């Protein structure tokens, strides 16, 4: 996995929130993201990039996540959908290739890189899903960018 230090541009995002077990992150995102898409459609706004998942809290058995996408246009919060920003920071980024089940190893590699290079993680890590599984059914070809914001 290739790891770099990058500047992540600030983007306006629309997202939903959930708490789930670690093993249910994927299915939970598949419940959250349609609400986000519906809110975009109602607002007449467009996605400005691929979907993301931000990990706002990680506990032994479960985690709090935000799933959504960057947006072009104005979107109002409503129901289970929130408006905010993602990015505007320096981060350690790893490009992971493969099925989502391997993302835990990508996070471990980035955490090790942060420790070995004297950096300090200072915000919620997030993933951006560069490959749409509906367009590329082979999980070995999926690309995910994993970000850990640093001081």
N, C-alpha and C. Protein backbone atom coordinates (compact mmCIF):
# COMPACT_ATOMS: atom_id res chain seq x y z
N UNK A 1 0.85 -1.18 0.00
CA UNK A 1 0.00 0.00 0.00
C UNK A 1 0.90 1.24 0.00
N UNK A 2 0.58 2.15 -0.88
CA UNK A 2 1.31 3.41 -0.98
C UNK A 2 0.77 4.38 0.08
N UNK A 3 1.69 5.01 0.85
CA UNK A 3 1.31 5.95 1.89
C UNK A 3 2.01 7.28 1.62
N UNK A 4 1.25 8.39 1.69
CA UNK A 4 1.78 9.73 1.46
C UNK A 4 1.21 10.71 2.48
N UNK A 5 1.88 11.85 2.62
CA UNK A 5 1.34 12.99 3.36
C UNK A 5 0.68 13.88 2.31
N UNK A 6 -0.59 14.23 2.54
CA UNK A 6 -1.34 15.03 1.56
C UNK A 6 -2.08 16.17 2.24
N UNK A 7 -2.39 17.18 1.46
CA UNK A 7 -3.30 18.25 1.89
C UNK A 7 -4.67 17.88 1.33
N UNK A 8 -5.64 17.75 2.21
CA UNK A 8 -6.99 17.38 1.80
C UNK A 8 -7.82 18.66 1.69
N UNK A 9 -8.28 19.01 0.48
CA UNK A 9 -9.06 20.25 0.35
C UNK A 9 -10.40 20.15 1.09
N UNK A 10 -10.84 21.27 1.61
CA UNK A 10 -12.13 21.31 2.30
C UNK A 10 -13.25 21.21 1.27
N UNK A 11 -14.22 20.35 1.57
CA UNK A 11 -15.37 20.17 0.70
C UNK A 11 -16.64 20.24 1.53
N UNK A 12 -17.69 20.78 0.96
CA UNK A 12 -19.00 20.70 1.59
C UNK A 12 -19.53 19.29 1.39
N UNK A 13 -20.09 18.72 2.46
CA UNK A 13 -20.58 17.35 2.39
C UNK A 13 -21.97 17.25 3.00
N UNK A 14 -22.66 16.21 2.59
CA UNK A 14 -23.96 15.83 3.15
C UNK A 14 -23.78 14.41 3.65
N UNK A 15 -24.26 14.12 4.87
CA UNK A 15 -24.00 12.80 5.44
C UNK A 15 -25.09 12.39 6.43
N UNK A 16 -25.11 11.11 6.70
CA UNK A 16 -25.95 10.54 7.74
C UNK A 16 -25.07 9.95 8.82
N UNK A 17 -25.64 9.76 10.00
CA UNK A 17 -24.88 9.22 11.14
C UNK A 17 -25.48 7.91 11.59
N UNK A 18 -24.61 7.06 12.15
CA UNK A 18 -25.08 5.79 12.68
C UNK A 18 -24.07 5.24 13.68
N UNK A 19 -24.53 4.34 14.51
CA UNK A 19 -23.69 3.56 15.41
C UNK A 19 -23.90 2.11 15.03
N UNK A 20 -22.80 1.37 14.91
CA UNK A 20 -22.92 -0.03 14.50
C UNK A 20 -21.73 -0.83 15.02
N UNK A 21 -21.86 -2.15 14.98
CA UNK A 21 -20.72 -3.02 15.31
C UNK A 21 -19.72 -2.92 14.16
N UNK A 22 -18.49 -3.26 14.43
CA UNK A 22 -17.45 -3.19 13.40
C UNK A 22 -17.81 -4.05 12.19
N UNK A 23 -18.40 -5.19 12.43
CA UNK A 23 -18.74 -6.10 11.33
C UNK A 23 -19.92 -5.60 10.50
N UNK A 24 -20.64 -4.60 10.97
CA UNK A 24 -21.83 -4.10 10.27
C UNK A 24 -21.62 -2.74 9.61
N UNK A 25 -20.36 -2.30 9.48
CA UNK A 25 -20.10 -0.99 8.88
C UNK A 25 -20.64 -0.94 7.44
N UNK A 26 -20.30 -1.92 6.64
CA UNK A 26 -20.76 -1.94 5.24
C UNK A 26 -22.27 -1.91 5.11
N UNK A 27 -22.98 -2.86 5.76
CA UNK A 27 -24.43 -2.84 5.67
C UNK A 27 -25.06 -1.55 6.23
N UNK A 28 -24.44 -0.99 7.27
CA UNK A 28 -24.97 0.25 7.84
C UNK A 28 -24.81 1.40 6.85
N UNK A 29 -23.65 1.48 6.19
CA UNK A 29 -23.47 2.52 5.17
C UNK A 29 -24.50 2.37 4.05
N UNK A 30 -24.82 1.14 3.70
CA UNK A 30 -25.80 0.91 2.64
C UNK A 30 -27.21 1.33 3.06
N UNK A 31 -27.44 1.52 4.36
CA UNK A 31 -28.70 2.07 4.85
C UNK A 31 -28.65 3.59 4.92
N UNK A 32 -27.48 4.14 5.27
CA UNK A 32 -27.33 5.59 5.45
C UNK A 32 -27.26 6.32 4.11
N UNK A 33 -26.50 5.80 3.17
CA UNK A 33 -26.25 6.52 1.91
C UNK A 33 -27.51 6.79 1.08
N UNK A 34 -28.49 5.90 1.02
CA UNK A 34 -29.71 6.23 0.26
C UNK A 34 -30.44 7.45 0.83
N UNK A 35 -30.43 7.65 2.15
CA UNK A 35 -31.05 8.84 2.73
C UNK A 35 -30.35 10.10 2.25
N UNK A 36 -29.03 10.02 2.16
CA UNK A 36 -28.24 11.16 1.67
C UNK A 36 -28.60 11.43 0.21
N UNK A 37 -28.65 10.38 -0.61
CA UNK A 37 -28.98 10.54 -2.03
C UNK A 37 -30.37 11.14 -2.21
N UNK A 38 -31.32 10.71 -1.39
CA UNK A 38 -32.69 11.26 -1.47
C UNK A 38 -32.70 12.74 -1.13
N UNK A 39 -31.92 13.15 -0.12
CA UNK A 39 -31.87 14.56 0.26
C UNK A 39 -31.24 15.40 -0.87
N UNK A 40 -30.21 14.85 -1.51
CA UNK A 40 -29.59 15.54 -2.65
C UNK A 40 -30.61 15.73 -3.78
N UNK A 41 -31.34 14.69 -4.05
CA UNK A 41 -32.33 14.76 -5.14
C UNK A 41 -33.41 15.80 -4.83
N UNK A 42 -33.91 15.80 -3.59
CA UNK A 42 -34.94 16.78 -3.20
C UNK A 42 -34.41 18.21 -3.33
N UNK A 43 -33.11 18.41 -3.05
CA UNK A 43 -32.52 19.75 -3.09
C UNK A 43 -32.08 20.15 -4.49
N UNK A 44 -32.09 19.20 -5.42
CA UNK A 44 -31.59 19.48 -6.77
C UNK A 44 -30.09 19.68 -6.79
N UNK A 45 -29.40 19.11 -5.82
CA UNK A 45 -27.94 19.22 -5.73
C UNK A 45 -27.28 18.00 -6.37
N UNK A 46 -25.98 18.11 -6.59
CA UNK A 46 -25.23 17.02 -7.22
C UNK A 46 -24.10 16.55 -6.34
N UNK A 47 -23.78 15.27 -6.46
CA UNK A 47 -22.59 14.74 -5.81
C UNK A 47 -21.37 15.38 -6.47
N UNK A 48 -20.38 15.77 -5.67
CA UNK A 48 -19.16 16.37 -6.19
C UNK A 48 -17.99 15.40 -6.14
N UNK A 49 -18.25 14.16 -5.80
CA UNK A 49 -17.20 13.16 -5.71
C UNK A 49 -17.72 11.88 -5.10
N UNK A 50 -16.84 10.92 -4.92
CA UNK A 50 -17.27 9.61 -4.40
C UNK A 50 -17.67 9.66 -2.93
N UNK A 51 -18.42 8.65 -2.47
CA UNK A 51 -18.88 8.60 -1.09
C UNK A 51 -17.72 8.37 -0.11
N UNK A 52 -18.00 8.73 1.15
CA UNK A 52 -17.01 8.56 2.21
C UNK A 52 -17.66 7.96 3.44
N UNK A 53 -16.79 7.48 4.33
CA UNK A 53 -17.20 7.08 5.67
C UNK A 53 -16.17 7.66 6.63
N UNK A 54 -16.66 8.45 7.60
CA UNK A 54 -15.78 9.04 8.63
C UNK A 54 -16.09 8.33 9.95
N UNK A 55 -15.03 7.95 10.67
CA UNK A 55 -15.16 7.23 11.94
C UNK A 55 -15.00 8.23 13.08
N UNK A 56 -16.12 8.68 13.65
CA UNK A 56 -16.08 9.72 14.68
C UNK A 56 -15.81 9.17 16.07
N UNK A 57 -16.03 7.89 16.29
CA UNK A 57 -15.69 7.23 17.56
C UNK A 57 -15.50 5.74 17.28
N UNK A 58 -14.49 5.17 17.91
CA UNK A 58 -14.18 3.73 17.74
C UNK A 58 -14.03 3.13 19.12
N UNK A 59 -14.90 2.18 19.43
CA UNK A 59 -14.86 1.48 20.71
C UNK A 59 -14.56 0.01 20.48
N UNK A 60 -14.41 -0.74 21.53
CA UNK A 60 -14.03 -2.15 21.41
C UNK A 60 -15.00 -2.94 20.54
N UNK A 61 -16.29 -2.71 20.72
CA UNK A 61 -17.29 -3.54 20.02
C UNK A 61 -18.10 -2.81 18.96
N UNK A 62 -18.06 -1.46 18.96
CA UNK A 62 -18.85 -0.74 17.98
C UNK A 62 -18.18 0.59 17.65
N UNK A 63 -18.80 1.33 16.74
CA UNK A 63 -18.25 2.62 16.32
C UNK A 63 -19.37 3.55 15.88
N UNK A 64 -19.04 4.86 15.88
CA UNK A 64 -19.94 5.88 15.35
C UNK A 64 -19.38 6.30 14.00
N UNK A 65 -20.23 6.31 12.99
CA UNK A 65 -19.78 6.66 11.64
C UNK A 65 -20.66 7.75 11.05
N UNK A 66 -20.08 8.41 10.06
CA UNK A 66 -20.81 9.34 9.21
C UNK A 66 -20.56 8.90 7.77
N UNK A 67 -21.62 8.65 7.05
CA UNK A 67 -21.51 8.24 5.65
C UNK A 67 -22.19 9.26 4.77
N UNK A 68 -21.49 9.68 3.71
CA UNK A 68 -22.09 10.68 2.83
C UNK A 68 -21.25 10.93 1.61
N UNK A 69 -21.39 12.15 1.06
CA UNK A 69 -20.65 12.49 -0.15
C UNK A 69 -20.46 14.00 -0.22
N UNK A 70 -19.43 14.44 -0.95
CA UNK A 70 -19.28 15.87 -1.21
C UNK A 70 -20.40 16.33 -2.13
N UNK A 71 -20.73 17.63 -2.05
CA UNK A 71 -21.90 18.11 -2.75
C UNK A 71 -21.62 19.43 -3.47
N UNK A 72 -22.29 19.59 -4.61
CA UNK A 72 -22.33 20.87 -5.32
C UNK A 72 -23.74 21.39 -5.16
N UNK A 73 -23.86 22.61 -4.67
CA UNK A 73 -25.18 23.20 -4.48
C UNK A 73 -25.56 23.24 -3.01
N UNK A 74 -26.67 23.86 -2.74
CA UNK A 74 -27.15 24.03 -1.36
C UNK A 74 -28.06 22.87 -0.99
N UNK A 75 -27.80 22.31 0.17
CA UNK A 75 -28.63 21.25 0.70
C UNK A 75 -28.95 21.60 2.15
N UNK A 76 -30.20 21.46 2.52
CA UNK A 76 -30.62 21.72 3.90
C UNK A 76 -30.58 20.42 4.69
N UNK A 77 -30.22 20.55 5.96
CA UNK A 77 -30.30 19.39 6.84
C UNK A 77 -31.76 19.03 6.99
N UNK A 78 -32.00 17.76 7.18
CA UNK A 78 -33.37 17.33 7.38
C UNK A 78 -33.43 15.87 7.75
N UNK A 79 -34.26 15.55 8.74
CA UNK A 79 -34.41 14.17 9.16
C UNK A 79 -33.09 13.62 9.66
N UNK A 80 -32.59 12.61 8.98
CA UNK A 80 -31.35 11.94 9.39
C UNK A 80 -30.16 12.40 8.56
N UNK A 81 -30.30 13.51 7.84
CA UNK A 81 -29.23 14.00 6.96
C UNK A 81 -28.69 15.32 7.49
N UNK A 82 -27.36 15.42 7.51
CA UNK A 82 -26.66 16.58 8.05
C UNK A 82 -25.77 17.20 6.98
N UNK A 83 -25.44 18.48 7.17
CA UNK A 83 -24.56 19.21 6.27
C UNK A 83 -23.31 19.60 7.04
N UNK A 84 -22.15 19.49 6.42
CA UNK A 84 -20.91 19.87 7.08
C UNK A 84 -19.79 19.97 6.08
N UNK A 85 -18.57 19.79 6.57
CA UNK A 85 -17.39 19.81 5.71
C UNK A 85 -16.53 18.60 6.00
N UNK A 86 -15.72 18.27 5.02
CA UNK A 86 -14.72 17.20 5.15
C UNK A 86 -13.45 17.74 4.52
N UNK A 87 -12.33 17.54 5.18
CA UNK A 87 -11.06 18.00 4.64
C UNK A 87 -10.65 19.32 5.25
N UNK A 88 -9.79 20.03 4.51
CA UNK A 88 -9.23 21.26 5.04
C UNK A 88 -8.13 20.97 6.04
N UNK A 89 -7.37 19.88 5.79
CA UNK A 89 -6.34 19.50 6.73
C UNK A 89 -5.23 18.73 6.02
N UNK A 90 -4.16 18.53 6.76
CA UNK A 90 -3.07 17.66 6.31
C UNK A 90 -3.35 16.27 6.87
N UNK A 91 -3.06 15.26 6.07
CA UNK A 91 -3.37 13.89 6.50
C UNK A 91 -2.35 12.90 5.94
N UNK A 92 -2.26 11.77 6.62
CA UNK A 92 -1.55 10.63 6.06
C UNK A 92 -2.60 9.86 5.27
N UNK A 93 -2.31 9.60 4.00
CA UNK A 93 -3.26 8.92 3.13
C UNK A 93 -2.64 7.66 2.57
N UNK A 94 -3.38 6.58 2.66
CA UNK A 94 -2.97 5.32 2.06
C UNK A 94 -3.95 4.93 0.98
N UNK A 95 -3.43 4.47 -0.14
CA UNK A 95 -4.31 3.98 -1.21
C UNK A 95 -4.36 2.47 -1.10
N UNK A 96 -5.52 1.98 -0.70
CA UNK A 96 -5.74 0.55 -0.51
C UNK A 96 -6.45 -0.01 -1.74
N UNK A 97 -5.96 -1.15 -2.24
CA UNK A 97 -6.59 -1.85 -3.37
C UNK A 97 -7.08 -3.20 -2.88
N UNK A 98 -8.38 -3.43 -3.01
CA UNK A 98 -8.92 -4.73 -2.63
C UNK A 98 -10.28 -4.61 -1.99
N UNK A 99 -10.80 -5.74 -1.51
CA UNK A 99 -12.14 -5.76 -0.91
C UNK A 99 -12.16 -4.99 0.42
N UNK A 100 -13.33 -4.51 0.76
CA UNK A 100 -13.48 -3.70 1.96
C UNK A 100 -13.06 -4.43 3.24
N UNK A 101 -13.14 -5.74 3.25
CA UNK A 101 -12.77 -6.51 4.44
C UNK A 101 -11.31 -6.29 4.83
N UNK A 102 -10.48 -5.83 3.91
CA UNK A 102 -9.07 -5.60 4.19
C UNK A 102 -8.75 -4.20 4.67
N UNK A 103 -9.75 -3.36 4.82
CA UNK A 103 -9.49 -1.97 5.21
C UNK A 103 -8.92 -1.85 6.62
N UNK A 104 -9.23 -2.78 7.50
CA UNK A 104 -8.66 -2.74 8.84
C UNK A 104 -7.14 -2.78 8.79
N UNK A 105 -6.58 -3.61 7.91
CA UNK A 105 -5.13 -3.68 7.75
C UNK A 105 -4.56 -2.38 7.20
N UNK A 106 -5.30 -1.71 6.33
CA UNK A 106 -4.85 -0.42 5.80
C UNK A 106 -4.78 0.62 6.92
N UNK A 107 -5.78 0.64 7.78
CA UNK A 107 -5.77 1.56 8.91
C UNK A 107 -4.59 1.26 9.84
N UNK A 108 -4.34 -0.02 10.10
CA UNK A 108 -3.20 -0.40 10.95
C UNK A 108 -1.88 0.07 10.36
N UNK A 109 -1.70 -0.09 9.04
CA UNK A 109 -0.47 0.34 8.38
C UNK A 109 -0.29 1.85 8.50
N UNK A 110 -1.37 2.61 8.36
CA UNK A 110 -1.28 4.06 8.47
C UNK A 110 -0.98 4.48 9.91
N UNK A 111 -1.64 3.84 10.87
CA UNK A 111 -1.33 4.16 12.28
C UNK A 111 0.14 3.88 12.59
N UNK A 112 0.68 2.78 12.06
CA UNK A 112 2.09 2.46 12.26
C UNK A 112 2.98 3.52 11.61
N UNK A 113 2.63 3.96 10.42
CA UNK A 113 3.40 5.00 9.72
C UNK A 113 3.39 6.30 10.54
N UNK A 114 2.25 6.65 11.08
CA UNK A 114 2.13 7.87 11.91
C UNK A 114 3.07 7.77 13.11
N UNK A 115 3.04 6.63 13.80
CA UNK A 115 3.88 6.45 14.99
C UNK A 115 5.37 6.44 14.63
N UNK A 116 5.73 5.72 13.56
CA UNK A 116 7.14 5.60 13.16
C UNK A 116 7.73 6.92 12.70
N UNK A 117 6.90 7.83 12.21
CA UNK A 117 7.39 9.10 11.67
C UNK A 117 7.15 10.29 12.59
N UNK A 118 6.72 10.02 13.81
CA UNK A 118 6.57 11.08 14.80
C UNK A 118 5.41 12.02 14.59
N UNK A 119 4.41 11.61 13.83
CA UNK A 119 3.22 12.44 13.65
C UNK A 119 2.22 12.18 14.77
N UNK A 120 1.20 13.02 14.84
CA UNK A 120 0.14 12.84 15.81
C UNK A 120 -1.20 12.95 15.09
N UNK A 121 -2.00 11.88 15.16
CA UNK A 121 -3.35 11.92 14.59
C UNK A 121 -4.17 12.90 15.42
N UNK A 122 -4.95 13.76 14.75
CA UNK A 122 -5.67 14.79 15.51
C UNK A 122 -7.13 14.98 15.11
N UNK A 123 -7.68 14.06 14.32
CA UNK A 123 -9.09 14.19 13.96
C UNK A 123 -9.58 12.81 13.51
N UNK A 124 -10.86 12.72 13.21
CA UNK A 124 -11.48 11.44 12.84
C UNK A 124 -10.95 10.94 11.49
N UNK A 125 -10.49 9.68 11.44
CA UNK A 125 -10.07 9.12 10.16
C UNK A 125 -11.28 8.90 9.26
N UNK A 126 -11.01 8.86 7.94
CA UNK A 126 -12.11 8.62 7.01
C UNK A 126 -11.60 7.89 5.77
N UNK A 127 -12.53 7.28 5.08
CA UNK A 127 -12.26 6.54 3.84
C UNK A 127 -13.07 7.17 2.72
N UNK A 128 -12.47 7.23 1.54
CA UNK A 128 -13.19 7.66 0.34
C UNK A 128 -13.16 6.50 -0.63
N UNK A 129 -14.33 6.08 -1.09
CA UNK A 129 -14.47 4.89 -1.93
C UNK A 129 -14.40 5.30 -3.39
N UNK A 130 -13.22 5.15 -3.98
CA UNK A 130 -12.94 5.63 -5.33
C UNK A 130 -13.60 4.78 -6.41
N UNK A 131 -13.88 3.53 -6.09
CA UNK A 131 -14.46 2.61 -7.07
C UNK A 131 -15.91 2.32 -6.70
N UNK A 132 -16.79 2.41 -7.67
CA UNK A 132 -18.20 2.07 -7.48
C UNK A 132 -18.36 0.57 -7.73
N UNK A 133 -18.72 -0.21 -6.69
CA UNK A 133 -18.87 -1.65 -6.87
C UNK A 133 -19.90 -2.05 -7.92
N UNK A 134 -20.85 -1.14 -8.23
CA UNK A 134 -21.84 -1.45 -9.26
C UNK A 134 -21.21 -1.37 -10.65
N UNK A 135 -20.15 -0.55 -10.78
CA UNK A 135 -19.46 -0.42 -12.07
C UNK A 135 -18.29 -1.40 -12.19
N UNK A 136 -17.69 -1.77 -11.06
CA UNK A 136 -16.58 -2.74 -11.06
C UNK A 136 -16.91 -3.83 -10.04
N UNK A 137 -17.46 -4.96 -10.51
CA UNK A 137 -17.88 -6.01 -9.59
C UNK A 137 -16.73 -6.81 -8.96
N UNK A 138 -15.50 -6.69 -9.48
CA UNK A 138 -14.37 -7.45 -8.96
C UNK A 138 -13.75 -6.72 -7.77
N UNK A 139 -13.95 -7.21 -6.53
CA UNK A 139 -13.43 -6.52 -5.35
C UNK A 139 -11.91 -6.35 -5.34
N UNK A 140 -11.19 -7.19 -6.05
CA UNK A 140 -9.73 -7.06 -6.08
C UNK A 140 -9.30 -5.79 -6.82
N UNK A 141 -10.22 -5.17 -7.56
CA UNK A 141 -9.92 -3.95 -8.32
C UNK A 141 -10.44 -2.68 -7.64
N UNK A 142 -11.06 -2.82 -6.47
CA UNK A 142 -11.60 -1.66 -5.78
C UNK A 142 -10.47 -0.83 -5.18
N UNK A 143 -10.60 0.49 -5.24
CA UNK A 143 -9.62 1.42 -4.69
C UNK A 143 -10.31 2.26 -3.61
N UNK A 144 -9.69 2.30 -2.44
CA UNK A 144 -10.18 3.11 -1.33
C UNK A 144 -9.03 3.97 -0.83
N UNK A 145 -9.28 5.26 -0.66
CA UNK A 145 -8.31 6.16 -0.05
C UNK A 145 -8.64 6.27 1.44
N UNK A 146 -7.65 5.95 2.27
CA UNK A 146 -7.82 5.98 3.73
C UNK A 146 -7.01 7.16 4.27
N UNK A 147 -7.68 8.06 5.00
CA UNK A 147 -7.06 9.27 5.51
C UNK A 147 -7.04 9.30 7.03
N UNK A 148 -5.89 9.68 7.58
CA UNK A 148 -5.76 9.96 9.01
C UNK A 148 -5.25 11.38 9.15
N UNK A 149 -6.10 12.35 9.56
CA UNK A 149 -5.65 13.72 9.74
C UNK A 149 -4.54 13.79 10.79
N UNK A 150 -3.55 14.66 10.55
CA UNK A 150 -2.42 14.81 11.47
C UNK A 150 -2.20 16.28 11.81
N UNK A 151 -1.56 16.50 12.97
CA UNK A 151 -1.24 17.86 13.42
C UNK A 151 -0.17 18.46 12.54
